[in-house]
Amino acid sequence: MPPEPDIARFADMFSAIGAEPRLRILRLLLAAHPDGLIPSDISAELAIPPSTLSHHLDKLKSEDLVQARRDSTFFWYTANTAALQDLLGFLYAECCTRNKAVRPRSVTAICKE
């Protein structure tokens, strides 16, 4: 079982992606990986007003689910795949290895599609 600080970190990550707009943003950034997107493209694609989008991106960034890099006058946002891998690994360890609630093959089959 992961130590308590990891549990709190994962709970915060789940909380951040528990809001429908943030989950949509994260999915869009994963689709644009590794290049990422600028906020105006995210806003246009998801029909999220810029001020609201800024709030959601800040929340995702604060939980380390999204990274930002400056390129000239633009900020490019990308999904933090390392953090997402940690989060998925946490779930996988609990559901597929320790108590076998889900067969590991069913999880890997989803990933291959």
N, C-alpha and C. Protein backbone atom coordinates (compact mmCIF):
# COMPACT_ATOMS: atom_id res chain seq x y z
N MET A 1 0.86 -1.18 0.00
CA MET A 1 0.00 0.00 0.00
C MET A 1 0.90 1.24 0.00
N PRO A 2 0.59 2.22 -0.89
CA PRO A 2 1.43 3.43 -0.90
C PRO A 2 1.35 4.18 0.42
N PRO A 3 2.41 4.88 0.75
CA PRO A 3 2.36 5.68 1.98
C PRO A 3 1.28 6.76 1.89
N GLU A 4 0.84 7.24 3.02
CA GLU A 4 -0.26 8.22 3.07
C GLU A 4 -0.04 9.46 2.20
N PRO A 5 1.17 10.03 2.11
CA PRO A 5 1.31 11.21 1.25
C PRO A 5 0.93 10.92 -0.21
N ASP A 6 1.23 9.72 -0.71
CA ASP A 6 0.84 9.38 -2.08
C ASP A 6 -0.67 9.28 -2.21
N ILE A 7 -1.33 8.73 -1.20
CA ILE A 7 -2.79 8.62 -1.23
C ILE A 7 -3.39 10.03 -1.32
N ALA A 8 -2.89 10.95 -0.53
CA ALA A 8 -3.40 12.32 -0.56
C ALA A 8 -3.14 12.96 -1.92
N ARG A 9 -1.98 12.72 -2.49
CA ARG A 9 -1.64 13.26 -3.81
C ARG A 9 -2.60 12.72 -4.87
N PHE A 10 -2.83 11.42 -4.85
CA PHE A 10 -3.73 10.82 -5.83
C PHE A 10 -5.16 11.31 -5.63
N ALA A 11 -5.58 11.47 -4.39
CA ALA A 11 -6.93 11.98 -4.12
C ALA A 11 -7.08 13.39 -4.69
N ASP A 12 -6.06 14.22 -4.53
CA ASP A 12 -6.10 15.57 -5.08
C ASP A 12 -6.14 15.55 -6.61
N MET A 13 -5.41 14.61 -7.22
CA MET A 13 -5.43 14.49 -8.67
C MET A 13 -6.82 14.07 -9.15
N PHE A 14 -7.41 13.09 -8.48
CA PHE A 14 -8.76 12.66 -8.86
C PHE A 14 -9.76 13.80 -8.68
N SER A 15 -9.60 14.57 -7.62
CA SER A 15 -10.48 15.70 -7.39
C SER A 15 -10.37 16.71 -8.52
N ALA A 16 -9.14 16.95 -8.98
CA ALA A 16 -8.93 17.92 -10.06
C ALA A 16 -9.58 17.46 -11.36
N ILE A 17 -9.51 16.18 -11.66
CA ILE A 17 -10.11 15.71 -12.91
C ILE A 17 -11.57 15.28 -12.72
N GLY A 18 -12.07 15.45 -11.50
CA GLY A 18 -13.46 15.12 -11.22
C GLY A 18 -14.45 16.11 -11.76
N ALA A 19 -13.98 17.28 -12.16
CA ALA A 19 -14.85 18.28 -12.77
C ALA A 19 -14.87 18.03 -14.28
N GLU A 20 -16.06 17.97 -14.84
CA GLU A 20 -16.23 17.62 -16.25
C GLU A 20 -15.38 18.48 -17.20
N PRO A 21 -15.32 19.80 -17.03
CA PRO A 21 -14.49 20.59 -17.96
C PRO A 21 -13.01 20.23 -17.87
N ARG A 22 -12.52 19.96 -16.67
CA ARG A 22 -11.10 19.63 -16.52
C ARG A 22 -10.79 18.26 -17.12
N LEU A 23 -11.71 17.33 -17.01
CA LEU A 23 -11.50 16.02 -17.63
C LEU A 23 -11.50 16.16 -19.15
N ARG A 24 -12.37 16.99 -19.68
CA ARG A 24 -12.39 17.25 -21.13
C ARG A 24 -11.07 17.91 -21.58
N ILE A 25 -10.58 18.84 -20.79
CA ILE A 25 -9.31 19.51 -21.11
C ILE A 25 -8.18 18.49 -21.12
N LEU A 26 -8.13 17.65 -20.12
CA LEU A 26 -7.06 16.65 -20.03
C LEU A 26 -7.12 15.68 -21.21
N ARG A 27 -8.32 15.24 -21.57
CA ARG A 27 -8.46 14.34 -22.73
C ARG A 27 -7.98 15.03 -24.01
N LEU A 28 -8.33 16.29 -24.17
CA LEU A 28 -7.90 17.03 -25.36
C LEU A 28 -6.38 17.16 -25.39
N LEU A 29 -5.78 17.46 -24.24
CA LEU A 29 -4.32 17.58 -24.18
C LEU A 29 -3.63 16.25 -24.43
N LEU A 30 -4.24 15.16 -23.99
CA LEU A 30 -3.68 13.84 -24.29
C LEU A 30 -3.75 13.56 -25.79
N ALA A 31 -4.83 13.97 -26.43
CA ALA A 31 -4.96 13.78 -27.88
C ALA A 31 -3.93 14.62 -28.64
N ALA A 32 -3.52 15.73 -28.06
CA ALA A 32 -2.54 16.62 -28.70
C ALA A 32 -1.11 16.33 -28.27
N HIS A 33 -0.92 15.29 -27.51
CA HIS A 33 0.41 14.95 -26.99
C HIS A 33 1.31 14.49 -28.12
N PRO A 34 2.56 14.87 -28.17
CA PRO A 34 3.33 15.60 -27.18
C PRO A 34 3.40 17.11 -27.41
N ASP A 35 2.84 17.57 -28.52
CA ASP A 35 2.97 18.99 -28.86
C ASP A 35 2.23 19.92 -27.91
N GLY A 36 1.03 19.52 -27.49
CA GLY A 36 0.22 20.36 -26.62
C GLY A 36 -0.59 21.37 -27.41
N LEU A 37 -1.26 22.24 -26.68
CA LEU A 37 -2.12 23.25 -27.27
C LEU A 37 -1.98 24.58 -26.54
N ILE A 38 -2.29 25.65 -27.24
CA ILE A 38 -2.34 26.95 -26.59
C ILE A 38 -3.77 27.16 -26.08
N PRO A 39 -3.93 28.00 -25.06
CA PRO A 39 -5.26 28.18 -24.46
C PRO A 39 -6.36 28.56 -25.46
N SER A 40 -6.05 29.40 -26.43
CA SER A 40 -7.10 29.79 -27.37
C SER A 40 -7.62 28.60 -28.18
N ASP A 41 -6.75 27.66 -28.49
CA ASP A 41 -7.18 26.45 -29.21
C ASP A 41 -8.03 25.55 -28.31
N ILE A 42 -7.63 25.44 -27.05
CA ILE A 42 -8.41 24.65 -26.09
C ILE A 42 -9.78 25.29 -25.92
N SER A 43 -9.80 26.59 -25.74
CA SER A 43 -11.04 27.33 -25.56
C SER A 43 -11.98 27.14 -26.74
N ALA A 44 -11.45 27.25 -27.93
CA ALA A 44 -12.27 27.11 -29.14
C ALA A 44 -12.79 25.69 -29.29
N GLU A 45 -11.94 24.72 -29.05
CA GLU A 45 -12.33 23.31 -29.22
C GLU A 45 -13.40 22.89 -28.23
N LEU A 46 -13.28 23.36 -26.99
CA LEU A 46 -14.19 22.90 -25.93
C LEU A 46 -15.27 23.92 -25.58
N ALA A 47 -15.26 25.05 -26.23
CA ALA A 47 -16.25 26.11 -25.96
C ALA A 47 -16.25 26.52 -24.49
N ILE A 48 -15.05 26.73 -23.96
CA ILE A 48 -14.88 27.18 -22.58
C ILE A 48 -14.36 28.61 -22.64
N PRO A 49 -15.03 29.56 -21.99
CA PRO A 49 -14.56 30.94 -22.01
C PRO A 49 -13.13 31.04 -21.45
N PRO A 50 -12.32 31.95 -22.00
CA PRO A 50 -10.92 32.07 -21.57
C PRO A 50 -10.72 32.22 -20.06
N SER A 51 -11.54 33.03 -19.40
CA SER A 51 -11.34 33.21 -17.95
C SER A 51 -11.63 31.92 -17.18
N THR A 52 -12.62 31.18 -17.62
CA THR A 52 -12.95 29.90 -16.98
C THR A 52 -11.87 28.88 -17.29
N LEU A 53 -11.40 28.87 -18.53
CA LEU A 53 -10.33 27.95 -18.92
C LEU A 53 -9.09 28.18 -18.09
N SER A 54 -8.74 29.42 -17.87
CA SER A 54 -7.57 29.76 -17.06
C SER A 54 -7.67 29.14 -15.67
N HIS A 55 -8.83 29.25 -15.07
CA HIS A 55 -9.07 28.66 -13.75
C HIS A 55 -8.86 27.14 -13.79
N HIS A 56 -9.41 26.48 -14.79
CA HIS A 56 -9.29 25.03 -14.89
C HIS A 56 -7.85 24.61 -15.16
N LEU A 57 -7.16 25.33 -16.03
CA LEU A 57 -5.76 25.00 -16.31
C LEU A 57 -4.90 25.19 -15.06
N ASP A 58 -5.16 26.23 -14.29
CA ASP A 58 -4.41 26.45 -13.05
C ASP A 58 -4.61 25.29 -12.07
N LYS A 59 -5.84 24.81 -11.97
CA LYS A 59 -6.12 23.69 -11.07
C LYS A 59 -5.40 22.43 -11.54
N LEU A 60 -5.46 22.13 -12.82
CA LEU A 60 -4.76 20.96 -13.35
C LEU A 60 -3.25 21.08 -13.18
N LYS A 61 -2.75 22.29 -13.36
CA LYS A 61 -1.31 22.54 -13.19
C LYS A 61 -0.90 22.38 -11.73
N SER A 62 -1.73 22.86 -10.82
CA SER A 62 -1.38 22.79 -9.40
C SER A 62 -1.34 21.35 -8.90
N GLU A 63 -2.07 20.47 -9.56
CA GLU A 63 -2.04 19.04 -9.20
C GLU A 63 -1.06 18.26 -10.06
N ASP A 64 -0.25 18.96 -10.84
CA ASP A 64 0.82 18.39 -11.67
C ASP A 64 0.29 17.49 -12.78
N LEU A 65 -0.96 17.67 -13.19
CA LEU A 65 -1.54 16.88 -14.27
C LEU A 65 -1.27 17.51 -15.63
N VAL A 66 -0.95 18.80 -15.62
CA VAL A 66 -0.71 19.56 -16.84
C VAL A 66 0.56 20.38 -16.64
N GLN A 67 1.32 20.50 -17.71
CA GLN A 67 2.53 21.32 -17.68
C GLN A 67 2.39 22.44 -18.71
N ALA A 68 3.04 23.56 -18.44
CA ALA A 68 3.01 24.70 -19.36
C ALA A 68 4.43 25.09 -19.72
N ARG A 69 4.60 25.46 -20.97
CA ARG A 69 5.91 25.96 -21.39
C ARG A 69 5.68 27.21 -22.23
N ARG A 70 6.56 28.15 -22.07
CA ARG A 70 6.44 29.41 -22.82
C ARG A 70 7.26 29.29 -24.10
N ASP A 71 6.63 29.69 -25.19
CA ASP A 71 7.30 29.71 -26.49
C ASP A 71 6.97 31.05 -27.12
N SER A 72 7.91 31.96 -27.04
CA SER A 72 7.71 33.32 -27.53
C SER A 72 6.59 33.98 -26.72
N THR A 73 5.48 34.31 -27.36
CA THR A 73 4.39 34.98 -26.65
C THR A 73 3.28 34.02 -26.22
N PHE A 74 3.46 32.74 -26.51
CA PHE A 74 2.42 31.76 -26.21
C PHE A 74 2.82 30.81 -25.09
N PHE A 75 1.83 30.36 -24.35
CA PHE A 75 2.00 29.27 -23.40
C PHE A 75 1.40 28.03 -24.03
N TRP A 76 2.16 26.98 -24.07
CA TRP A 76 1.70 25.69 -24.58
C TRP A 76 1.46 24.77 -23.40
N TYR A 77 0.30 24.16 -23.38
CA TYR A 77 -0.06 23.24 -22.31
C TYR A 77 -0.02 21.81 -22.82
N THR A 78 0.54 20.94 -22.00
CA THR A 78 0.62 19.52 -22.32
C THR A 78 0.18 18.71 -21.10
N ALA A 79 -0.33 17.52 -21.37
CA ALA A 79 -0.65 16.60 -20.28
C ALA A 79 0.65 16.10 -19.69
N ASN A 80 0.71 16.01 -18.37
CA ASN A 80 1.89 15.46 -17.70
C ASN A 80 1.73 13.94 -17.65
N THR A 81 2.26 13.29 -18.66
CA THR A 81 2.05 11.85 -18.78
C THR A 81 2.73 11.06 -17.67
N ALA A 82 3.80 11.58 -17.11
CA ALA A 82 4.45 10.88 -16.00
C ALA A 82 3.54 10.85 -14.77
N ALA A 83 2.89 11.96 -14.48
CA ALA A 83 1.96 12.01 -13.34
C ALA A 83 0.76 11.12 -13.59
N LEU A 84 0.26 11.12 -14.82
CA LEU A 84 -0.88 10.26 -15.16
C LEU A 84 -0.49 8.78 -15.07
N GLN A 85 0.74 8.48 -15.45
CA GLN A 85 1.21 7.10 -15.34
C GLN A 85 1.27 6.68 -13.87
N ASP A 86 1.71 7.58 -13.00
CA ASP A 86 1.71 7.28 -11.56
C ASP A 86 0.29 7.02 -11.06
N LEU A 87 -0.64 7.85 -11.49
CA LEU A 87 -2.03 7.71 -11.07
C LEU A 87 -2.63 6.40 -11.56
N LEU A 88 -2.40 6.07 -12.82
CA LEU A 88 -2.91 4.81 -13.36
C LEU A 88 -2.22 3.61 -12.72
N GLY A 89 -0.94 3.75 -12.44
CA GLY A 89 -0.21 2.68 -11.75
C GLY A 89 -0.78 2.41 -10.37
N PHE A 90 -1.16 3.47 -9.68
CA PHE A 90 -1.78 3.34 -8.36
C PHE A 90 -3.07 2.54 -8.47
N LEU A 91 -3.93 2.89 -9.42
CA LEU A 91 -5.18 2.16 -9.61
C LEU A 91 -4.92 0.73 -10.03
N TYR A 92 -4.00 0.54 -10.95
CA TYR A 92 -3.69 -0.78 -11.46
C TYR A 92 -3.20 -1.69 -10.33
N ALA A 93 -2.34 -1.16 -9.48
CA ALA A 93 -1.80 -1.97 -8.39
C ALA A 93 -2.90 -2.43 -7.45
N GLU A 94 -3.86 -1.56 -7.20
CA GLU A 94 -4.95 -1.92 -6.29
C GLU A 94 -5.96 -2.87 -6.92
N CYS A 95 -6.35 -2.60 -8.14
CA CYS A 95 -7.45 -3.36 -8.73
C CYS A 95 -7.00 -4.62 -9.45
N CYS A 96 -5.78 -4.65 -9.91
CA CYS A 96 -5.38 -5.75 -10.79
C CYS A 96 -4.31 -6.67 -10.22
N THR A 97 -3.60 -6.23 -9.21
CA THR A 97 -2.52 -7.08 -8.70
C THR A 97 -2.78 -7.55 -7.28
N ARG A 98 -3.17 -6.64 -6.44
CA ARG A 98 -3.31 -7.00 -5.04
C ARG A 98 -4.57 -7.81 -4.76
N ASN A 99 -5.71 -7.35 -5.23
CA ASN A 99 -6.92 -8.08 -4.90
C ASN A 99 -7.60 -8.69 -6.13
N LYS A 100 -7.04 -8.47 -7.32
CA LYS A 100 -7.54 -9.07 -8.56
C LYS A 100 -9.01 -8.75 -8.85
N ALA A 101 -9.47 -7.58 -8.45
CA ALA A 101 -10.84 -7.16 -8.73
C ALA A 101 -11.10 -7.05 -10.22
N VAL A 102 -10.06 -6.68 -10.97
CA VAL A 102 -10.15 -6.58 -12.42
C VAL A 102 -9.00 -7.41 -13.00
N ARG A 103 -9.30 -8.19 -14.02
CA ARG A 103 -8.24 -8.99 -14.64
C ARG A 103 -7.27 -8.07 -15.37
N PRO A 104 -5.96 -8.21 -15.14
CA PRO A 104 -4.98 -7.34 -15.81
C PRO A 104 -5.13 -7.35 -17.33
N ARG A 105 -5.48 -8.48 -17.91
CA ARG A 105 -5.62 -8.55 -19.37
C ARG A 105 -6.72 -7.62 -19.88
N SER A 106 -7.77 -7.44 -19.10
CA SER A 106 -8.84 -6.55 -19.55
C SER A 106 -8.38 -5.11 -19.58
N VAL A 107 -7.48 -4.73 -18.69
CA VAL A 107 -6.93 -3.37 -18.68
C VAL A 107 -5.98 -3.18 -19.85
N THR A 108 -5.11 -4.14 -20.08
CA THR A 108 -4.16 -3.99 -21.18
C THR A 108 -4.86 -4.07 -22.53
N ALA A 109 -5.96 -4.81 -22.61
CA ALA A 109 -6.71 -4.87 -23.87
C ALA A 109 -7.30 -3.50 -24.21
N ILE A 110 -7.75 -2.76 -23.22
CA ILE A 110 -8.28 -1.41 -23.44
C ILE A 110 -7.18 -0.51 -23.99
N CYS A 111 -5.98 -0.64 -23.45
CA CYS A 111 -4.87 0.22 -23.85
C CYS A 111 -4.41 -0.06 -25.28
N LYS A 112 -4.63 -1.27 -25.78
CA LYS A 112 -4.18 -1.63 -27.12
C LYS A 112 -5.15 -1.21 -28.21
N GLU A 113 -6.38 -0.91 -27.86
CA GLU A 113 -7.39 -0.56 -28.87
C GLU A 113 -7.12 0.76 -29.51
